[in-house]
Amino acid sequence: DRVLRYVELANRLELEVVGVHCDAPCVIRAFAHVGGRAPEDQARPVAYVDLGAAATKIVVAQGGRMMLAKTVHAGGDAWTRKLASEHQMAFEEARLARVAESSGGTAVAPPPQATTTATGAGDNDHPDGGCETTECLVDELRATFRHYHSRYPDQPIEKLVFLGGESNRLDTCRRLAQSVHVAAQLGDPFARLSRQNAGPSPMGVDLAQPQPGWAVALGLCLSDANL
């Protein structure tokens, strides 16, 4: 029903639909360049965590093969509502405040051996340790890892790649990575594209910086027309 509603909307706007694709395969296509060219590098499983406004999507892939996908109905809107409630401000005002607070960067978590245990007293000292939404994501990510490892015990997940508009919340990314003891990085789907002579973007997108929020859009551009 949802797909048909999108198709009907496109028809009303006089757009020609040439393909319908889910988020998860698009994420995998956008990051087909992750890993080395050697076969052993392509065989290393990677978990992509797409932190969105209304939901978070977790996709585990091995090379171009999707091993597992999951949607968690928790995301940036919950953090925004919490901030708005605490400071008695409007939702949109709180959202803009959170955007202004975000900072960029590439590495968001140290290697597994350098992380601390994500349970116990240390959790309360973390900036997001007392946030219900963050703790929900921690629980869901741990459950996803347990489910994956029960199915593929000989192929452990070796890396987390954070995507989505909420992935600039680096403290949360660190918290999630530490909870599963896996090294992580902020994803940049545009890393595979040439930036030579790109010039200033008409949309205000700085291509010199990682743009994790564009992963699904780029994946759609790389998808086949399947109608």
N, C-alpha and C. Protein backbone atom coordinates (compact mmCIF):
# COMPACT_ATOMS: atom_id res chain seq x y z
N ASP A 1 0.82 -1.21 0.00
CA ASP A 1 0.00 0.00 0.00
C ASP A 1 0.86 1.26 0.00
N ARG A 2 1.93 1.24 0.77
CA ARG A 2 2.78 2.42 0.83
C ARG A 2 3.44 2.70 -0.51
N VAL A 3 3.92 1.65 -1.18
CA VAL A 3 4.55 1.83 -2.49
C VAL A 3 3.55 2.41 -3.48
N LEU A 4 2.31 1.88 -3.46
CA LEU A 4 1.30 2.37 -4.37
C LEU A 4 0.96 3.83 -4.10
N ARG A 5 0.98 4.24 -2.83
CA ARG A 5 0.71 5.64 -2.53
C ARG A 5 1.80 6.54 -3.11
N TYR A 6 3.06 6.07 -3.02
CA TYR A 6 4.15 6.84 -3.63
C TYR A 6 3.97 6.94 -5.14
N VAL A 7 3.58 5.83 -5.76
CA VAL A 7 3.38 5.83 -7.21
C VAL A 7 2.26 6.78 -7.59
N GLU A 8 1.16 6.76 -6.82
CA GLU A 8 0.05 7.67 -7.09
C GLU A 8 0.48 9.13 -6.93
N LEU A 9 1.30 9.40 -5.91
CA LEU A 9 1.80 10.76 -5.72
C LEU A 9 2.65 11.19 -6.91
N ALA A 10 3.52 10.29 -7.38
CA ALA A 10 4.36 10.62 -8.54
C ALA A 10 3.50 10.89 -9.77
N ASN A 11 2.42 10.12 -9.94
CA ASN A 11 1.53 10.34 -11.09
C ASN A 11 0.86 11.70 -11.01
N ARG A 12 0.44 12.09 -9.80
CA ARG A 12 -0.21 13.40 -9.66
C ARG A 12 0.77 14.54 -9.97
N LEU A 13 2.04 14.30 -9.68
CA LEU A 13 3.07 15.31 -9.95
C LEU A 13 3.62 15.20 -11.36
N GLU A 14 3.04 14.27 -12.15
CA GLU A 14 3.45 14.04 -13.53
C GLU A 14 4.92 13.63 -13.63
N LEU A 15 5.34 12.78 -12.68
CA LEU A 15 6.69 12.21 -12.71
C LEU A 15 6.61 10.77 -13.21
N GLU A 16 7.63 10.36 -13.94
CA GLU A 16 7.68 8.98 -14.44
C GLU A 16 8.51 8.14 -13.48
N VAL A 17 7.90 7.14 -12.89
CA VAL A 17 8.59 6.25 -11.96
C VAL A 17 9.33 5.18 -12.76
N VAL A 18 10.64 5.10 -12.57
CA VAL A 18 11.45 4.12 -13.30
C VAL A 18 12.01 3.04 -12.39
N GLY A 19 11.84 3.18 -11.08
CA GLY A 19 12.34 2.16 -10.17
C GLY A 19 11.85 2.39 -8.76
N VAL A 20 11.65 1.30 -8.05
CA VAL A 20 11.26 1.36 -6.64
C VAL A 20 12.27 0.51 -5.85
N HIS A 21 12.96 1.13 -4.92
CA HIS A 21 14.00 0.43 -4.17
C HIS A 21 13.88 0.74 -2.69
N CYS A 22 14.19 -0.23 -1.85
CA CYS A 22 14.19 -0.04 -0.40
C CYS A 22 15.48 0.66 0.03
N ASP A 23 15.46 1.18 1.26
CA ASP A 23 16.63 1.89 1.77
C ASP A 23 17.86 1.01 1.88
N ALA A 24 17.68 -0.21 2.40
CA ALA A 24 18.84 -1.06 2.71
C ALA A 24 19.70 -1.36 1.48
N PRO A 25 19.14 -1.82 0.36
CA PRO A 25 19.99 -2.05 -0.82
C PRO A 25 20.66 -0.78 -1.32
N CYS A 26 19.99 0.36 -1.16
CA CYS A 26 20.59 1.63 -1.60
C CYS A 26 21.82 1.97 -0.77
N VAL A 27 21.74 1.73 0.53
CA VAL A 27 22.89 1.97 1.40
C VAL A 27 24.07 1.10 0.98
N ILE A 28 23.80 -0.16 0.68
CA ILE A 28 24.87 -1.08 0.28
C ILE A 28 25.51 -0.62 -1.03
N ARG A 29 24.68 -0.16 -1.98
CA ARG A 29 25.22 0.31 -3.26
C ARG A 29 26.06 1.58 -3.06
N ALA A 30 25.61 2.44 -2.17
CA ALA A 30 26.34 3.69 -1.94
C ALA A 30 27.72 3.44 -1.36
N PHE A 31 27.88 2.32 -0.64
CA PHE A 31 29.16 2.04 0.03
C PHE A 31 29.81 0.78 -0.52
N ALA A 32 29.58 0.52 -1.79
CA ALA A 32 30.24 -0.63 -2.42
C ALA A 32 31.75 -0.46 -2.45
N HIS A 33 32.24 0.78 -2.27
CA HIS A 33 33.67 1.05 -2.30
C HIS A 33 34.34 0.79 -0.96
N VAL A 34 33.57 0.54 0.11
CA VAL A 34 34.16 0.32 1.43
C VAL A 34 34.91 -1.00 1.42
N GLY A 35 36.12 -0.99 1.99
CA GLY A 35 36.96 -2.19 1.99
C GLY A 35 37.96 -2.13 0.86
N GLY A 36 38.86 -3.07 0.84
CA GLY A 36 39.88 -3.12 -0.19
C GLY A 36 39.41 -3.87 -1.42
N ARG A 37 40.31 -3.98 -2.39
CA ARG A 37 39.99 -4.70 -3.62
C ARG A 37 40.20 -6.20 -3.49
N ALA A 38 40.98 -6.61 -2.48
CA ALA A 38 41.27 -8.03 -2.31
C ALA A 38 40.01 -8.77 -1.89
N PRO A 39 39.85 -10.04 -2.30
CA PRO A 39 38.66 -10.81 -1.93
C PRO A 39 38.47 -10.91 -0.43
N GLU A 40 39.57 -11.02 0.33
CA GLU A 40 39.42 -11.15 1.78
C GLU A 40 38.87 -9.87 2.40
N ASP A 41 39.16 -8.70 1.79
CA ASP A 41 38.61 -7.45 2.30
C ASP A 41 37.12 -7.36 2.04
N GLN A 42 36.69 -7.82 0.86
CA GLN A 42 35.28 -7.78 0.52
C GLN A 42 34.46 -8.74 1.38
N ALA A 43 35.12 -9.73 2.00
CA ALA A 43 34.40 -10.72 2.80
C ALA A 43 34.19 -10.27 4.24
N ARG A 44 34.68 -9.10 4.61
CA ARG A 44 34.54 -8.63 5.98
C ARG A 44 33.19 -7.95 6.18
N PRO A 45 32.37 -8.47 7.06
CA PRO A 45 31.03 -7.89 7.28
C PRO A 45 31.12 -6.50 7.90
N VAL A 46 30.25 -5.62 7.43
CA VAL A 46 30.17 -4.25 7.91
C VAL A 46 28.72 -3.96 8.30
N ALA A 47 28.52 -3.28 9.43
CA ALA A 47 27.18 -2.88 9.86
C ALA A 47 27.01 -1.38 9.59
N TYR A 48 26.00 -1.05 8.81
CA TYR A 48 25.67 0.35 8.53
C TYR A 48 24.52 0.76 9.44
N VAL A 49 24.71 1.86 10.16
CA VAL A 49 23.68 2.36 11.08
C VAL A 49 23.22 3.72 10.56
N ASP A 50 22.02 3.74 10.00
CA ASP A 50 21.45 4.95 9.41
C ASP A 50 20.57 5.64 10.45
N LEU A 51 21.14 6.66 11.09
CA LEU A 51 20.42 7.40 12.13
C LEU A 51 19.58 8.50 11.49
N GLY A 52 18.27 8.28 11.44
CA GLY A 52 17.38 9.24 10.82
C GLY A 52 16.57 10.00 11.84
N ALA A 53 15.61 10.77 11.35
CA ALA A 53 14.78 11.59 12.23
C ALA A 53 13.73 10.75 12.95
N ALA A 54 12.99 9.94 12.19
CA ALA A 54 11.90 9.16 12.78
C ALA A 54 12.30 7.74 13.11
N ALA A 55 13.32 7.22 12.45
CA ALA A 55 13.70 5.81 12.65
C ALA A 55 15.19 5.65 12.40
N THR A 56 15.71 4.52 12.87
CA THR A 56 17.10 4.14 12.65
C THR A 56 17.11 2.80 11.94
N LYS A 57 17.88 2.69 10.88
CA LYS A 57 17.97 1.45 10.12
C LYS A 57 19.35 0.85 10.29
N ILE A 58 19.39 -0.44 10.56
CA ILE A 58 20.65 -1.17 10.73
C ILE A 58 20.74 -2.20 9.61
N VAL A 59 21.82 -2.14 8.83
CA VAL A 59 22.01 -3.04 7.70
C VAL A 59 23.38 -3.68 7.84
N VAL A 60 23.44 -5.00 7.83
CA VAL A 60 24.71 -5.72 7.87
C VAL A 60 24.94 -6.31 6.48
N ALA A 61 26.10 -6.00 5.91
CA ALA A 61 26.41 -6.45 4.55
C ALA A 61 27.80 -7.04 4.50
N GLN A 62 27.96 -7.98 3.58
CA GLN A 62 29.26 -8.59 3.32
C GLN A 62 29.55 -8.37 1.85
N GLY A 63 30.43 -7.40 1.56
CA GLY A 63 30.60 -7.00 0.18
C GLY A 63 29.31 -6.35 -0.29
N GLY A 64 28.76 -6.83 -1.38
CA GLY A 64 27.49 -6.31 -1.88
C GLY A 64 26.30 -7.14 -1.47
N ARG A 65 26.49 -8.07 -0.57
CA ARG A 65 25.42 -8.99 -0.16
C ARG A 65 24.83 -8.57 1.18
N MET A 66 23.53 -8.36 1.22
CA MET A 66 22.87 -8.00 2.48
C MET A 66 22.66 -9.24 3.32
N MET A 67 23.16 -9.21 4.55
CA MET A 67 23.05 -10.35 5.47
C MET A 67 21.88 -10.19 6.42
N LEU A 68 21.58 -8.94 6.79
CA LEU A 68 20.55 -8.69 7.79
C LEU A 68 20.16 -7.21 7.71
N ALA A 69 18.87 -6.92 7.93
CA ALA A 69 18.41 -5.53 7.95
C ALA A 69 17.32 -5.39 9.00
N LYS A 70 17.31 -4.24 9.67
CA LYS A 70 16.37 -4.04 10.77
C LYS A 70 16.04 -2.55 10.88
N THR A 71 14.78 -2.25 11.20
CA THR A 71 14.36 -0.87 11.42
C THR A 71 13.97 -0.69 12.89
N VAL A 72 14.52 0.34 13.52
CA VAL A 72 14.21 0.67 14.91
C VAL A 72 13.48 2.02 14.90
N HIS A 73 12.30 2.06 15.49
CA HIS A 73 11.51 3.28 15.47
C HIS A 73 11.94 4.23 16.59
N ALA A 74 13.15 4.71 16.45
CA ALA A 74 13.72 5.69 17.38
C ALA A 74 14.76 6.49 16.62
N GLY A 75 14.76 7.80 16.80
CA GLY A 75 15.70 8.61 16.06
C GLY A 75 15.75 10.04 16.56
N GLY A 76 16.16 10.93 15.67
CA GLY A 76 16.44 12.30 16.06
C GLY A 76 15.24 13.07 16.58
N ASP A 77 14.04 12.78 16.08
CA ASP A 77 12.87 13.50 16.56
C ASP A 77 12.66 13.31 18.06
N ALA A 78 12.98 12.13 18.56
CA ALA A 78 12.84 11.87 20.00
C ALA A 78 13.82 12.72 20.79
N TRP A 79 15.07 12.84 20.29
CA TRP A 79 16.04 13.71 20.97
C TRP A 79 15.59 15.16 20.93
N THR A 80 15.02 15.56 19.80
CA THR A 80 14.55 16.94 19.67
C THR A 80 13.41 17.23 20.63
N ARG A 81 12.46 16.29 20.73
CA ARG A 81 11.34 16.48 21.66
C ARG A 81 11.84 16.56 23.10
N LYS A 82 12.85 15.76 23.44
CA LYS A 82 13.41 15.78 24.78
C LYS A 82 14.04 17.14 25.08
N LEU A 83 14.80 17.67 24.11
CA LEU A 83 15.43 18.98 24.28
C LEU A 83 14.38 20.07 24.39
N ALA A 84 13.35 20.01 23.56
CA ALA A 84 12.28 21.02 23.59
C ALA A 84 11.56 21.01 24.93
N SER A 85 11.34 19.81 25.48
CA SER A 85 10.65 19.70 26.76
C SER A 85 11.51 20.23 27.91
N GLU A 86 12.80 19.90 27.87
CA GLU A 86 13.70 20.32 28.96
C GLU A 86 13.88 21.83 28.98
N HIS A 87 13.89 22.47 27.81
CA HIS A 87 14.18 23.90 27.74
C HIS A 87 12.96 24.73 27.39
N GLN A 88 11.78 24.06 27.34
CA GLN A 88 10.52 24.75 27.08
C GLN A 88 10.61 25.61 25.82
N MET A 89 10.97 24.97 24.73
CA MET A 89 11.05 25.66 23.45
C MET A 89 10.25 24.89 22.41
N ALA A 90 9.98 25.52 21.29
CA ALA A 90 9.25 24.87 20.21
C ALA A 90 10.09 23.77 19.58
N PHE A 91 9.41 22.79 18.97
CA PHE A 91 10.10 21.65 18.36
C PHE A 91 11.09 22.12 17.31
N GLU A 92 10.67 23.02 16.40
CA GLU A 92 11.55 23.47 15.33
C GLU A 92 12.74 24.23 15.90
N GLU A 93 12.52 25.00 16.93
CA GLU A 93 13.62 25.72 17.57
C GLU A 93 14.63 24.75 18.17
N ALA A 94 14.12 23.69 18.80
CA ALA A 94 14.99 22.68 19.38
C ALA A 94 15.76 21.93 18.29
N ARG A 95 15.10 21.68 17.17
CA ARG A 95 15.78 20.98 16.08
C ARG A 95 16.93 21.82 15.53
N LEU A 96 16.70 23.11 15.33
CA LEU A 96 17.75 23.99 14.83
C LEU A 96 18.90 24.10 15.83
N ALA A 97 18.57 24.07 17.12
CA ALA A 97 19.61 24.12 18.15
C ALA A 97 20.47 22.87 18.10
N ARG A 98 19.85 21.72 17.87
CA ARG A 98 20.62 20.47 17.77
C ARG A 98 21.49 20.45 16.54
N VAL A 99 20.98 20.99 15.42
CA VAL A 99 21.78 21.05 14.19
C VAL A 99 23.01 21.93 14.40
N ALA A 100 22.80 23.07 15.05
CA ALA A 100 23.92 23.99 15.31
C ALA A 100 24.94 23.37 16.24
N GLU A 101 24.48 22.47 17.12
CA GLU A 101 25.36 21.86 18.10
C GLU A 101 26.24 20.77 17.51
N SER A 102 25.78 20.18 16.40
CA SER A 102 26.50 19.04 15.80
C SER A 102 27.85 19.49 15.28
N SER A 103 28.80 18.56 15.31
CA SER A 103 30.14 18.82 14.79
C SER A 103 30.50 17.73 13.81
N GLY A 104 31.41 18.05 12.87
CA GLY A 104 31.82 17.07 11.87
C GLY A 104 32.99 16.25 12.35
N GLY A 105 33.47 15.34 11.46
CA GLY A 105 34.59 14.47 11.78
C GLY A 105 34.45 13.16 11.06
N THR A 106 35.52 12.35 11.06
CA THR A 106 35.48 11.08 10.36
C THR A 106 35.52 9.92 11.33
N ALA A 107 36.51 9.86 12.19
CA ALA A 107 36.60 8.76 13.13
C ALA A 107 35.75 9.07 14.36
N VAL A 108 34.83 8.17 14.68
CA VAL A 108 33.95 8.43 15.81
C VAL A 108 34.13 7.41 16.93
N ALA A 109 34.97 6.41 16.74
CA ALA A 109 35.18 5.44 17.80
C ALA A 109 36.55 4.82 17.65
N PRO A 110 37.23 4.51 18.75
CA PRO A 110 38.53 3.87 18.68
C PRO A 110 38.36 2.39 18.36
N PRO A 111 39.46 1.69 18.07
CA PRO A 111 39.37 0.25 17.84
C PRO A 111 38.79 -0.46 19.05
N PRO A 112 38.29 -1.72 18.86
CA PRO A 112 37.63 -2.43 19.96
C PRO A 112 38.47 -2.54 21.22
N GLN A 113 39.79 -2.77 21.08
CA GLN A 113 40.60 -2.98 22.27
C GLN A 113 40.73 -1.70 23.11
N ALA A 114 40.42 -0.54 22.50
CA ALA A 114 40.57 0.71 23.24
C ALA A 114 39.26 1.20 23.85
N THR A 115 38.16 0.48 23.58
CA THR A 115 36.88 0.91 24.10
C THR A 115 36.72 0.47 25.54
N THR A 116 35.78 1.09 26.22
CA THR A 116 35.45 0.68 27.57
C THR A 116 34.17 -0.11 27.57
N THR A 117 33.95 -0.89 28.61
CA THR A 117 32.73 -1.67 28.69
C THR A 117 31.53 -0.75 28.75
N ALA A 118 30.49 -1.08 27.95
CA ALA A 118 29.34 -0.19 27.82
C ALA A 118 28.30 -0.43 28.89
N THR A 119 28.58 -1.31 29.82
CA THR A 119 27.64 -1.54 30.91
C THR A 119 28.30 -1.14 32.21
N GLY A 120 27.51 -0.83 33.20
CA GLY A 120 28.08 -0.49 34.49
C GLY A 120 28.08 1.00 34.74
N ALA A 121 28.95 1.41 35.68
CA ALA A 121 28.92 2.79 36.14
C ALA A 121 29.29 3.78 35.06
N GLY A 122 30.13 3.35 34.08
CA GLY A 122 30.59 4.28 33.05
C GLY A 122 29.46 4.83 32.22
N ASP A 123 28.34 4.12 32.07
CA ASP A 123 27.24 4.58 31.23
C ASP A 123 26.68 5.91 31.71
N ASN A 124 26.56 6.10 33.00
CA ASN A 124 25.94 7.30 33.51
C ASN A 124 26.80 8.54 33.30
N ASP A 125 28.11 8.32 33.07
CA ASP A 125 29.00 9.44 32.85
C ASP A 125 29.02 9.89 31.40
N HIS A 126 28.46 9.08 30.51
CA HIS A 126 28.46 9.41 29.09
C HIS A 126 27.41 10.48 28.81
N PRO A 127 27.68 11.41 27.88
CA PRO A 127 26.72 12.49 27.60
C PRO A 127 25.33 11.99 27.26
N ASP A 128 25.23 10.82 26.59
CA ASP A 128 23.93 10.27 26.22
C ASP A 128 23.52 9.11 27.12
N GLY A 129 24.26 8.88 28.19
CA GLY A 129 24.03 7.69 29.00
C GLY A 129 22.66 7.62 29.62
N GLY A 130 22.06 8.78 29.97
CA GLY A 130 20.77 8.76 30.61
C GLY A 130 19.62 8.98 29.67
N CYS A 131 19.87 8.99 28.35
CA CYS A 131 18.83 9.27 27.37
C CYS A 131 18.11 7.98 27.00
N GLU A 132 16.80 7.98 27.14
CA GLU A 132 16.01 6.78 26.87
C GLU A 132 16.13 6.35 25.42
N THR A 133 16.13 7.31 24.49
CA THR A 133 16.23 6.97 23.08
C THR A 133 17.57 6.33 22.76
N THR A 134 18.63 6.89 23.30
CA THR A 134 19.96 6.33 23.06
C THR A 134 20.07 4.93 23.64
N GLU A 135 19.55 4.73 24.84
CA GLU A 135 19.60 3.40 25.45
C GLU A 135 18.78 2.39 24.65
N CYS A 136 17.67 2.84 24.06
CA CYS A 136 16.89 1.97 23.18
C CYS A 136 17.71 1.53 21.98
N LEU A 137 18.44 2.49 21.38
CA LEU A 137 19.27 2.15 20.23
C LEU A 137 20.41 1.22 20.63
N VAL A 138 20.99 1.44 21.80
CA VAL A 138 22.03 0.54 22.29
C VAL A 138 21.50 -0.88 22.42
N ASP A 139 20.33 -1.03 23.03
CA ASP A 139 19.74 -2.36 23.21
C ASP A 139 19.44 -3.02 21.87
N GLU A 140 18.89 -2.24 20.93
CA GLU A 140 18.54 -2.80 19.63
C GLU A 140 19.78 -3.19 18.84
N LEU A 141 20.85 -2.39 18.94
CA LEU A 141 22.07 -2.71 18.22
C LEU A 141 22.72 -3.97 18.80
N ARG A 142 22.74 -4.08 20.13
CA ARG A 142 23.27 -5.29 20.75
C ARG A 142 22.46 -6.52 20.34
N ALA A 143 21.12 -6.38 20.31
CA ALA A 143 20.27 -7.50 19.91
C ALA A 143 20.53 -7.89 18.46
N THR A 144 20.75 -6.90 17.61
CA THR A 144 21.05 -7.19 16.20
C THR A 144 22.36 -7.94 16.08
N PHE A 145 23.37 -7.51 16.82
CA PHE A 145 24.66 -8.20 16.79
C PHE A 145 24.53 -9.64 17.29
N ARG A 146 23.76 -9.82 18.38
CA ARG A 146 23.59 -11.19 18.89
C ARG A 146 22.90 -12.07 17.85
N HIS A 147 21.86 -11.53 17.21
CA HIS A 147 21.14 -12.30 16.21
C HIS A 147 22.05 -12.64 15.03
N TYR A 148 22.83 -11.65 14.59
CA TYR A 148 23.73 -11.90 13.47
C TYR A 148 24.78 -12.96 13.83
N HIS A 149 25.39 -12.82 15.00
CA HIS A 149 26.44 -13.75 15.39
C HIS A 149 25.90 -15.16 15.63
N SER A 150 24.63 -15.28 15.99
CA SER A 150 24.04 -16.62 16.14
C SER A 150 23.88 -17.31 14.78
N ARG A 151 23.72 -16.50 13.73
CA ARG A 151 23.56 -17.06 12.39
C ARG A 151 24.90 -17.23 11.68
N TYR A 152 25.83 -16.33 11.94
CA TYR A 152 27.12 -16.36 11.25
C TYR A 152 28.25 -16.25 12.28
N PRO A 153 28.42 -17.27 13.12
CA PRO A 153 29.42 -17.18 14.20
C PRO A 153 30.85 -17.06 13.71
N ASP A 154 31.13 -17.50 12.49
CA ASP A 154 32.50 -17.47 11.97
C ASP A 154 32.81 -16.21 11.16
N GLN A 155 31.83 -15.30 11.07
CA GLN A 155 32.02 -14.08 10.28
C GLN A 155 31.64 -12.86 11.11
N PRO A 156 32.40 -12.51 12.13
CA PRO A 156 32.03 -11.39 13.01
C PRO A 156 32.03 -10.06 12.28
N ILE A 157 31.17 -9.17 12.72
CA ILE A 157 31.12 -7.81 12.16
C ILE A 157 32.38 -7.06 12.60
N GLU A 158 33.08 -6.46 11.65
CA GLU A 158 34.36 -5.84 11.95
C GLU A 158 34.33 -4.32 11.96
N LYS A 159 33.22 -3.73 11.50
CA LYS A 159 33.20 -2.27 11.45
C LYS A 159 31.75 -1.77 11.48
N LEU A 160 31.58 -0.59 12.10
CA LEU A 160 30.32 0.14 12.04
C LEU A 160 30.54 1.37 11.17
N VAL A 161 29.58 1.66 10.30
CA VAL A 161 29.61 2.88 9.50
C VAL A 161 28.31 3.63 9.78
N PHE A 162 28.44 4.84 10.32
CA PHE A 162 27.27 5.63 10.69
C PHE A 162 26.86 6.55 9.55
N LEU A 163 25.55 6.56 9.29
CA LEU A 163 24.98 7.34 8.19
C LEU A 163 23.81 8.15 8.71
N GLY A 164 23.20 8.90 7.81
CA GLY A 164 21.97 9.61 8.14
C GLY A 164 22.23 10.98 8.72
N GLY A 165 21.19 11.78 8.71
CA GLY A 165 21.31 13.15 9.17
C GLY A 165 21.64 13.29 10.64
N GLU A 166 21.35 12.26 11.44
CA GLU A 166 21.62 12.32 12.88
C GLU A 166 23.00 11.77 13.25
N SER A 167 23.76 11.31 12.27
CA SER A 167 25.06 10.70 12.58
C SER A 167 26.11 11.74 12.97
N ASN A 168 25.82 13.03 12.77
CA ASN A 168 26.74 14.06 13.25
C ASN A 168 26.68 14.21 14.77
N ARG A 169 25.79 13.49 15.41
CA ARG A 169 25.74 13.45 16.88
C ARG A 169 26.80 12.44 17.33
N LEU A 170 28.04 12.90 17.35
CA LEU A 170 29.18 12.00 17.49
C LEU A 170 29.21 11.29 18.84
N ASP A 171 28.75 11.95 19.91
CA ASP A 171 28.72 11.29 21.21
C ASP A 171 27.84 10.04 21.17
N THR A 172 26.71 10.14 20.47
CA THR A 172 25.82 8.99 20.35
C THR A 172 26.47 7.89 19.52
N CYS A 173 27.15 8.27 18.44
CA CYS A 173 27.84 7.27 17.62
C CYS A 173 28.90 6.53 18.44
N ARG A 174 29.64 7.27 19.24
CA ARG A 174 30.65 6.63 20.10
C ARG A 174 30.00 5.68 21.08
N ARG A 175 28.90 6.11 21.68
CA ARG A 175 28.18 5.28 22.65
C ARG A 175 27.72 3.98 22.01
N LEU A 176 27.17 4.05 20.81
CA LEU A 176 26.69 2.85 20.13
C LEU A 176 27.85 1.93 19.76
N ALA A 177 28.95 2.51 19.26
CA ALA A 177 30.10 1.68 18.89
C ALA A 177 30.70 0.99 20.11
N GLN A 178 30.80 1.70 21.22
CA GLN A 178 31.36 1.10 22.43
C GLN A 178 30.46 0.00 22.98
N SER A 179 29.17 0.11 22.75
CA SER A 179 28.25 -0.90 23.29
C SER A 179 28.45 -2.27 22.65
N VAL A 180 29.00 -2.30 21.42
CA VAL A 180 29.22 -3.58 20.74
C VAL A 180 30.71 -3.84 20.52
N HIS A 181 31.57 -2.96 21.06
CA HIS A 181 33.02 -3.14 21.00
C HIS A 181 33.52 -3.31 19.57
N VAL A 182 33.07 -2.43 18.69
CA VAL A 182 33.48 -2.48 17.29
C VAL A 182 33.94 -1.09 16.87
N ALA A 183 35.06 -1.02 16.12
CA ALA A 183 35.54 0.26 15.61
C ALA A 183 34.53 0.83 14.61
N ALA A 184 34.48 2.16 14.52
CA ALA A 184 33.46 2.78 13.69
C ALA A 184 34.01 4.02 13.00
N GLN A 185 33.27 4.45 11.99
CA GLN A 185 33.62 5.68 11.29
C GLN A 185 32.35 6.33 10.78
N LEU A 186 32.46 7.63 10.48
CA LEU A 186 31.36 8.36 9.88
C LEU A 186 31.41 8.13 8.37
N GLY A 187 30.32 7.65 7.80
CA GLY A 187 30.30 7.30 6.39
C GLY A 187 30.22 8.53 5.49
N ASP A 188 30.89 8.46 4.36
CA ASP A 188 30.81 9.52 3.36
C ASP A 188 30.52 8.88 2.01
N PRO A 189 29.26 8.84 1.60
CA PRO A 189 28.93 8.19 0.32
C PRO A 189 29.56 8.88 -0.88
N PHE A 190 29.92 10.17 -0.74
CA PHE A 190 30.51 10.89 -1.86
C PHE A 190 32.00 10.62 -2.00
N ALA A 191 32.58 9.81 -1.12
CA ALA A 191 34.03 9.55 -1.18
C ALA A 191 34.42 8.86 -2.49
N ARG A 192 33.49 8.14 -3.08
CA ARG A 192 33.79 7.42 -4.32
C ARG A 192 33.68 8.32 -5.55
N LEU A 193 33.19 9.55 -5.37
CA LEU A 193 32.99 10.46 -6.49
C LEU A 193 34.14 11.45 -6.61
N SER A 194 34.38 11.89 -7.81
CA SER A 194 35.43 12.89 -8.04
C SER A 194 34.93 14.25 -7.57
N ARG A 195 35.78 14.94 -6.81
CA ARG A 195 35.44 16.29 -6.35
C ARG A 195 36.21 17.36 -7.12
N GLN A 196 36.92 16.98 -8.15
CA GLN A 196 37.71 17.95 -8.91
C GLN A 196 36.78 18.94 -9.61
N ASN A 197 37.11 20.20 -9.46
CA ASN A 197 36.34 21.28 -10.09
C ASN A 197 34.87 21.25 -9.70
N ALA A 198 34.58 20.74 -8.49
CA ALA A 198 33.19 20.66 -8.06
C ALA A 198 32.60 22.05 -7.84
N GLY A 199 33.41 22.95 -7.29
CA GLY A 199 32.93 24.31 -7.03
C GLY A 199 31.91 24.31 -5.92
N PRO A 200 31.41 25.49 -5.55
CA PRO A 200 30.43 25.58 -4.48
C PRO A 200 29.11 24.93 -4.90
N SER A 201 28.50 24.22 -3.97
CA SER A 201 27.24 23.54 -4.26
C SER A 201 26.09 24.53 -4.26
N PRO A 202 25.18 24.43 -5.23
CA PRO A 202 24.02 25.35 -5.24
C PRO A 202 23.07 25.09 -4.09
N MET A 203 23.18 23.91 -3.45
CA MET A 203 22.30 23.57 -2.33
C MET A 203 22.96 23.80 -0.98
N GLY A 204 24.15 24.37 -0.97
CA GLY A 204 24.83 24.61 0.30
C GLY A 204 25.43 23.37 0.92
N VAL A 205 25.67 22.32 0.12
CA VAL A 205 26.28 21.09 0.61
C VAL A 205 27.78 21.18 0.40
N ASP A 206 28.54 21.11 1.48
CA ASP A 206 30.00 21.21 1.40
C ASP A 206 30.56 19.83 1.06
N LEU A 207 30.93 19.62 -0.20
CA LEU A 207 31.43 18.32 -0.64
C LEU A 207 32.82 18.02 -0.10
N ALA A 208 33.47 19.01 0.50
CA ALA A 208 34.78 18.76 1.10
C ALA A 208 34.64 18.06 2.45
N GLN A 209 33.43 18.02 2.99
CA GLN A 209 33.17 17.38 4.28
C GLN A 209 32.33 16.10 4.07
N PRO A 210 32.44 15.12 4.98
CA PRO A 210 31.60 13.93 4.86
C PRO A 210 30.12 14.31 4.87
N GLN A 211 29.34 13.65 4.04
CA GLN A 211 27.91 13.92 3.94
C GLN A 211 27.13 12.62 4.15
N PRO A 212 27.11 12.11 5.39
CA PRO A 212 26.46 10.81 5.65
C PRO A 212 24.97 10.81 5.38
N GLY A 213 24.34 11.97 5.38
CA GLY A 213 22.91 12.02 5.16
C GLY A 213 22.48 11.75 3.73
N TRP A 214 23.44 11.67 2.80
CA TRP A 214 23.12 11.49 1.39
C TRP A 214 23.30 10.05 0.93
N ALA A 215 23.48 9.12 1.84
CA ALA A 215 23.79 7.73 1.46
C ALA A 215 22.67 7.10 0.63
N VAL A 216 21.43 7.18 1.11
CA VAL A 216 20.32 6.54 0.39
C VAL A 216 20.10 7.22 -0.95
N ALA A 217 20.21 8.56 -1.00
CA ALA A 217 20.00 9.28 -2.25
C ALA A 217 21.03 8.86 -3.30
N LEU A 218 22.30 8.74 -2.89
CA LEU A 218 23.33 8.32 -3.84
C LEU A 218 23.09 6.88 -4.25
N GLY A 219 22.69 6.03 -3.29
CA GLY A 219 22.39 4.64 -3.62
C GLY A 219 21.28 4.52 -4.65
N LEU A 220 20.28 5.38 -4.55
CA LEU A 220 19.21 5.39 -5.55
C LEU A 220 19.75 5.76 -6.93
N CYS A 221 20.66 6.73 -6.96
CA CYS A 221 21.25 7.13 -8.23
C CYS A 221 22.03 5.99 -8.89
N LEU A 222 22.56 5.09 -8.06
CA LEU A 222 23.35 3.97 -8.57
C LEU A 222 22.50 2.73 -8.80
N SER A 223 21.20 2.81 -8.54
CA SER A 223 20.30 1.65 -8.68
C SER A 223 19.78 1.55 -10.11
N ASP A 224 19.36 0.33 -10.45
CA ASP A 224 18.82 0.08 -11.78
C ASP A 224 17.41 0.61 -11.91
N ALA A 225 17.05 0.95 -13.13
CA ALA A 225 15.65 1.24 -13.44
C ALA A 225 14.97 -0.11 -13.61
N ASN A 226 14.09 -0.46 -12.67
CA ASN A 226 13.60 -1.83 -12.62
C ASN A 226 12.13 -1.96 -12.99
N LEU A 227 11.58 -1.01 -13.73
CA LEU A 227 10.20 -1.12 -14.17
C LEU A 227 10.15 -1.25 -15.70
